[in-house]
Amino acid sequence: MTTTDTVTGALLATTGLTKRYGPLTAVDHVDLSLGRGIVGLLGPNGAGKTTLLRILATVLSPDAGDVRLLGLDPTEPKERLEIRRRIGFLPQSPRLYGGFTPLEMVDYVAILKEHTDKTWRRNEARAALEALGLGDRMHQRIRTLSGGMQQRVALAAALIGTPQLLVLDEPATGLDPEQRIALRSVLAGCADEGTVLLSTHNTAEVSALCQHVLVMDQGRICWSGAPEDLAAAAQGQVWESPHDEPTAVRSWLTGPGNRRHLGTPPEGARVVTSTLDDGYLLVTRLAR
């Protein structure tokens, strides 16, 4: 169990959060306390990241534990409605209506959040689409857009209303490098006023964007801290050589005739500076 404080003031807090699917415990007694800033959630496939994010987005109910979002209790219907008005959620596989235009799709999400002012909704939808580079596509049918453009439509829907809490599951999927940079700028602006929690497999995104990182494995938060501290967790435990090292915890090929190893270096090994990838791999291996 891990308690994590980012900047002062918890906008998202959980205690003993647990979710089971039959004999499988997908989320196992997770404690979190997150304030303003951008938090990256790393973990292997099947670690429980998507289940955790769906609970925090009020899509799923936990089997045990307590959740407070923006100081409100999602188990109370009136408070849950208020939470949904003030959060944005991007699921792992967003479902969009192909016959809608991006403007209609984002406006529809605002309607689901019970925003009743049509002029306000349309202005907010336009602003979100323009921020993600879709100003010239907002009247085109979604089914005609590329996969990357559709991902940005889903992101715009999550951004509607300047949410205080953004929960994003693999937000950069399908985006090219220029679009990823634009997304970083948008999320950095959102973090000025609230919490952004994003799941990703891309450690470069975490290093470039996040002030804090959580590592999840087997349903638990097994590490919590700054990205540079995760990289430092493997310092002195990474070396390179031209051949296999049977004592290494993990080895992989990095180039012609060169292998990188993680673990306890043998005597005389050429130890190299550790990276965020190294720290992540070591932490998840030690957690098992």
Protein backbone atom coordinates (compact mmCIF):
# COMPACT_ATOMS: atom_id res chain seq x y z
CA MET A 1 0.00 0.00 0.00
CA THR A 2 1.32 3.40 -0.95
CA THR A 3 0.28 6.91 -0.04
CA THR A 4 1.41 9.55 -2.49
CA ASP A 5 1.28 13.31 -1.95
CA THR A 6 2.08 15.58 -4.86
CA VAL A 7 1.60 19.29 -4.37
CA THR A 8 -0.44 20.42 -1.35
CA GLY A 9 -4.16 19.70 -1.22
CA ALA A 10 -5.51 16.27 -2.21
CA LEU A 11 -7.97 16.44 -5.12
CA LEU A 12 -8.01 12.65 -5.40
CA ALA A 13 -7.77 10.33 -2.39
CA THR A 14 -8.31 6.60 -1.93
CA THR A 15 -7.96 4.30 1.05
CA GLY A 16 -7.79 0.51 0.74
CA LEU A 17 -9.22 0.63 -2.77
CA THR A 18 -9.91 -2.92 -3.98
CA LYS A 19 -11.57 -4.42 -7.05
CA ARG A 20 -11.92 -8.12 -7.80
CA TYR A 21 -13.06 -10.10 -10.81
CA GLY A 22 -13.80 -13.54 -9.45
CA PRO A 23 -10.52 -14.95 -8.06
CA LEU A 24 -8.48 -12.13 -9.65
CA THR A 25 -7.74 -9.04 -7.57
CA ALA A 26 -7.24 -6.30 -10.19
CA VAL A 27 -6.76 -3.47 -7.68
CA ASP A 28 -5.37 -4.52 -4.33
CA HIS A 29 -5.71 -2.13 -1.35
CA VAL A 30 -4.45 1.01 -3.08
CA ASP A 31 -3.97 4.18 -1.02
CA LEU A 32 -3.44 7.43 -2.91
CA SER A 33 -3.47 11.14 -2.17
CA LEU A 34 -2.89 13.34 -5.21
CA GLY A 35 -2.82 17.10 -5.43
CA ARG A 36 -2.27 19.48 -8.34
CA GLY A 37 0.15 18.37 -11.02
CA ILE A 38 0.66 15.67 -13.64
CA VAL A 39 1.04 12.11 -12.38
CA GLY A 40 2.14 9.28 -14.65
CA LEU A 41 0.95 5.73 -14.00
CA LEU A 42 3.34 3.07 -15.31
CA GLY A 43 2.93 -0.69 -15.21
CA PRO A 44 2.95 -3.83 -17.33
CA ASN A 45 -0.13 -5.09 -19.14
CA GLY A 46 -2.51 -6.64 -16.64
CA ALA A 47 -1.16 -4.60 -13.72
CA GLY A 48 -4.60 -3.13 -12.93
CA LYS A 49 -4.03 0.37 -14.32
CA THR A 50 -7.17 0.54 -16.47
CA THR A 51 -9.35 -0.83 -13.68
CA LEU A 52 -7.95 1.74 -11.25
CA LEU A 53 -8.55 4.59 -13.70
CA ARG A 54 -12.12 3.45 -14.39
CA ILE A 55 -12.85 3.48 -10.67
CA LEU A 56 -11.39 6.97 -10.34
CA ALA A 57 -13.51 8.11 -13.28
CA THR A 58 -16.66 6.75 -11.49
CA VAL A 59 -17.25 4.22 -14.28
CA LEU A 60 -16.67 1.28 -11.91
CA SER A 61 -17.47 0.88 -8.24
CA PRO A 62 -14.80 -0.69 -5.99
CA ASP A 63 -15.54 -3.81 -3.97
CA ALA A 64 -13.87 -2.31 -0.91
CA GLY A 65 -12.18 0.87 0.19
CA ASP A 66 -12.99 4.55 0.08
CA VAL A 67 -12.70 7.14 -2.72
CA ARG A 68 -12.89 10.92 -2.51
CA LEU A 69 -12.75 12.94 -5.71
CA LEU A 70 -12.54 16.73 -5.48
CA GLY A 71 -13.58 16.33 -1.86
CA LEU A 72 -16.80 14.53 -2.87
CA ASP A 73 -18.07 10.99 -2.34
CA PRO A 74 -18.91 9.17 -5.62
CA THR A 75 -21.17 6.70 -3.81
CA GLU A 76 -23.65 9.55 -3.18
CA PRO A 77 -25.73 10.16 -6.35
CA LYS A 78 -25.80 13.97 -6.09
CA GLU A 79 -22.09 14.15 -5.35
CA ARG A 80 -21.31 11.68 -8.14
CA LEU A 81 -23.13 13.93 -10.62
CA GLU A 82 -21.12 16.93 -9.44
CA ILE A 83 -17.90 14.92 -9.76
CA ARG A 84 -18.75 13.96 -13.34
CA ARG A 85 -19.31 17.59 -14.24
CA ARG A 86 -15.87 18.48 -12.94
CA ILE A 87 -13.74 15.60 -14.24
CA GLY A 88 -12.60 14.49 -17.67
CA PHE A 89 -12.07 10.86 -18.63
CA LEU A 90 -10.38 9.29 -21.64
CA PRO A 91 -10.90 5.50 -21.67
CA GLN A 92 -8.39 3.10 -23.15
CA SER A 93 -10.60 2.45 -26.20
CA PRO A 94 -12.86 5.50 -26.59
CA ARG A 95 -16.15 4.96 -28.40
CA LEU A 96 -17.08 7.70 -30.80
CA TYR A 97 -20.16 8.02 -32.99
CA GLY A 98 -18.92 7.93 -36.57
CA GLY A 99 -21.87 9.88 -37.91
CA PHE A 100 -21.22 12.80 -35.57
CA THR A 101 -18.86 15.63 -36.30
CA PRO A 102 -16.14 16.34 -33.70
CA LEU A 103 -18.08 19.45 -32.61
CA GLU A 104 -21.26 17.42 -32.14
CA MET A 105 -19.40 14.67 -30.29
CA VAL A 106 -17.75 16.99 -27.78
CA ASP A 107 -20.99 18.93 -27.35
CA TYR A 108 -22.81 15.64 -26.68
CA VAL A 109 -20.37 14.77 -23.90
CA ALA A 110 -21.07 18.18 -22.35
CA ILE A 111 -24.80 17.40 -22.51
CA LEU A 112 -24.18 14.10 -20.69
CA LYS A 113 -22.49 16.15 -17.97
CA GLU A 114 -25.76 18.14 -17.80
CA HIS A 115 -24.34 21.44 -18.97
CA THR A 116 -27.53 23.14 -20.18
CA ASP A 117 -26.20 26.36 -21.73
CA LYS A 118 -25.94 25.57 -25.47
CA THR A 119 -23.83 28.62 -26.30
CA TRP A 120 -21.39 27.82 -23.49
CA ARG A 121 -21.17 24.17 -24.62
CA ARG A 122 -20.42 25.06 -28.22
CA ASN A 123 -17.79 27.62 -27.26
CA GLU A 124 -16.11 25.14 -24.90
CA ALA A 125 -16.23 22.38 -27.55
CA ARG A 126 -14.66 24.64 -30.17
CA ALA A 127 -11.93 25.74 -27.76
CA ALA A 128 -11.07 22.13 -26.83
CA LEU A 129 -10.93 21.02 -30.48
CA GLU A 130 -8.82 24.00 -31.51
CA ALA A 131 -6.39 23.37 -28.64
CA LEU A 132 -5.79 19.90 -30.08
CA GLY A 133 -5.35 21.09 -33.67
CA LEU A 134 -8.80 20.08 -34.94
CA GLY A 135 -10.22 23.51 -35.65
CA ASP A 136 -10.38 22.79 -39.39
CA ARG A 137 -11.93 19.32 -38.89
CA MET A 138 -14.68 20.02 -36.37
CA HIS A 139 -17.47 19.83 -39.00
CA GLN A 140 -16.20 16.67 -40.71
CA ARG A 141 -17.77 13.28 -39.96
CA ILE A 142 -15.75 11.34 -37.40
CA ARG A 143 -15.81 8.17 -39.50
CA THR A 144 -13.75 9.96 -42.16
CA LEU A 145 -10.98 11.01 -39.75
CA SER A 146 -7.72 9.16 -39.19
CA GLY A 147 -7.14 7.16 -36.01
CA GLY A 148 -4.92 9.89 -34.56
CA MET A 149 -7.56 12.52 -35.25
CA GLN A 150 -10.25 10.40 -33.62
CA GLN A 151 -8.02 10.04 -30.56
CA ARG A 152 -7.79 13.83 -30.39
CA VAL A 153 -11.59 14.12 -30.62
CA ALA A 154 -11.84 11.82 -27.60
CA LEU A 155 -9.25 13.93 -25.81
CA ALA A 156 -11.22 17.09 -26.58
CA ALA A 157 -14.31 15.45 -25.07
CA ALA A 158 -12.31 14.74 -21.89
CA LEU A 159 -11.19 18.39 -21.75
CA ILE A 160 -14.67 19.91 -22.03
CA GLY A 161 -15.38 22.36 -19.23
CA THR A 162 -11.78 22.71 -17.99
CA PRO A 163 -11.99 19.75 -15.56
CA GLN A 164 -10.25 19.88 -12.20
CA LEU A 165 -9.42 16.19 -12.47
CA LEU A 166 -8.34 14.53 -15.71
CA VAL A 167 -8.11 10.73 -15.85
CA LEU A 168 -6.47 9.61 -19.09
CA ASP A 169 -5.78 6.04 -20.20
CA GLU A 170 -3.00 6.02 -22.83
CA PRO A 171 -3.80 9.54 -24.14
CA ALA A 172 -0.96 9.67 -26.71
CA THR A 173 -2.03 6.51 -28.56
CA GLY A 174 -1.98 7.13 -32.31
CA LEU A 175 -0.49 10.62 -32.06
CA ASP A 176 2.55 11.63 -34.09
CA PRO A 177 5.50 13.42 -32.44
CA GLU A 178 4.18 16.91 -33.22
CA GLN A 179 0.76 16.04 -31.80
CA ARG A 180 2.36 14.54 -28.70
CA ILE A 181 4.18 17.82 -28.05
CA ALA A 182 0.91 19.75 -28.50
CA LEU A 183 -0.80 17.38 -26.06
CA ARG A 184 1.93 17.95 -23.48
CA SER A 185 1.30 21.69 -23.69
CA VAL A 186 -2.44 21.24 -23.21
CA LEU A 187 -2.01 18.92 -20.22
CA ALA A 188 0.57 21.20 -18.62
CA GLY A 189 -2.03 23.98 -18.74
CA CYS A 190 -4.66 21.72 -17.16
CA ALA A 191 -2.28 20.83 -14.32
CA ASP A 192 -2.01 24.46 -13.26
CA GLU A 193 -5.49 24.23 -11.75
CA GLY A 194 -6.02 20.56 -11.11
CA THR A 195 -4.80 16.97 -11.19
CA VAL A 196 -3.91 15.05 -14.34
CA LEU A 197 -3.50 11.28 -13.88
CA LEU A 198 -2.42 9.49 -17.03
CA SER A 199 -1.57 5.89 -17.75
CA THR A 200 1.13 5.21 -20.33
CA HIS A 201 3.67 2.64 -21.44
CA ASN A 202 5.93 5.40 -22.74
CA THR A 203 8.55 6.31 -20.15
CA ALA A 204 9.73 9.17 -22.38
CA GLU A 205 6.30 10.79 -21.95
CA VAL A 206 6.58 10.44 -18.19
CA SER A 207 10.05 11.94 -18.16
CA ALA A 208 9.01 14.90 -20.34
CA LEU A 209 5.63 15.66 -18.77
CA CYS A 210 5.11 14.30 -15.26
CA GLN A 211 6.13 15.72 -11.91
CA HIS A 212 5.29 12.44 -10.20
CA VAL A 213 5.18 8.79 -11.21
CA LEU A 214 3.42 5.75 -9.80
CA VAL A 215 4.44 2.22 -10.74
CA MET A 216 1.68 -0.38 -10.51
CA ASP A 217 2.12 -4.14 -10.68
CA GLN A 218 -0.18 -7.01 -9.71
CA GLY A 219 -2.86 -4.59 -8.54
CA ARG A 220 -0.63 -2.65 -6.17
CA ILE A 221 1.30 0.60 -6.26
CA CYS A 222 4.83 -0.73 -5.81
CA TRP A 223 6.72 2.54 -6.24
CA SER A 224 5.98 6.26 -5.96
CA GLY A 225 8.16 9.31 -6.46
CA ALA A 226 9.65 11.78 -8.92
CA PRO A 227 10.72 10.51 -12.38
CA GLU A 228 14.37 11.29 -11.67
CA ASP A 229 14.17 9.23 -8.48
CA LEU A 230 12.82 6.26 -10.41
CA ALA A 231 15.79 6.48 -12.77
CA ALA A 232 18.13 6.75 -9.76
CA ALA A 233 16.61 3.59 -8.23
CA ALA A 234 18.70 1.53 -10.67
CA GLN A 235 21.90 3.56 -10.35
CA GLY A 236 24.92 1.29 -9.99
CA GLN A 237 22.87 -1.70 -11.18
CA VAL A 238 23.11 -1.25 -14.95
CA TRP A 239 26.04 -2.34 -17.10
CA GLU A 240 26.79 -3.09 -20.71
CA SER A 241 28.83 -5.83 -22.36
CA PRO A 242 29.05 -7.62 -25.72
CA HIS A 243 27.77 -10.92 -24.34
CA ASP A 244 25.02 -12.46 -22.17
CA GLU A 245 25.26 -12.17 -18.39
CA PRO A 246 23.59 -15.15 -16.67
CA THR A 247 23.52 -13.36 -13.31
CA ALA A 248 21.54 -10.35 -14.62
CA VAL A 249 17.95 -9.81 -13.56
CA ARG A 250 17.18 -8.64 -17.09
CA SER A 251 19.25 -8.34 -20.29
CA TRP A 252 18.40 -6.92 -23.70
CA LEU A 253 20.10 -6.06 -26.97
CA THR A 254 20.68 -2.33 -27.49
CA GLY A 255 22.66 -2.38 -30.72
CA PRO A 256 24.94 -4.52 -32.87
CA GLY A 257 27.10 -6.54 -30.53
CA ASN A 258 26.04 -4.71 -27.37
CA ARG A 259 23.80 -5.83 -24.53
CA ARG A 260 22.45 -3.92 -21.52
CA HIS A 261 22.05 -5.70 -18.19
CA LEU A 262 20.16 -5.00 -14.99
CA GLY A 263 21.06 -6.44 -11.60
CA THR A 264 24.25 -6.77 -9.57
CA PRO A 265 27.20 -6.02 -11.86
CA PRO A 266 30.03 -8.56 -11.87
CA GLU A 267 33.53 -7.43 -10.96
CA GLY A 268 35.08 -5.31 -13.69
CA ALA A 269 31.76 -4.61 -15.44
CA ARG A 270 31.30 -1.35 -17.37
CA VAL A 271 28.61 0.29 -15.24
CA VAL A 272 26.56 2.94 -17.07
CA THR A 273 24.14 5.69 -16.01
CA SER A 274 20.66 4.38 -15.27
CA THR A 275 17.55 5.64 -17.08
CA LEU A 276 13.86 5.78 -16.26
CA ASP A 277 13.40 2.54 -18.20
CA ASP A 278 16.04 0.84 -16.06
CA GLY A 279 14.44 2.02 -12.83
CA TYR A 280 11.00 0.90 -13.97
CA LEU A 281 12.22 -2.54 -14.99
CA LEU A 282 14.07 -3.03 -11.71
CA VAL A 283 11.17 -1.88 -9.54
CA THR A 284 8.64 -4.15 -11.26
CA ARG A 285 11.01 -7.13 -11.08
CA LEU A 286 11.62 -6.61 -7.36
CA ALA A 287 7.89 -6.26 -6.69
CA ARG A 288 7.20 -9.84 -7.83
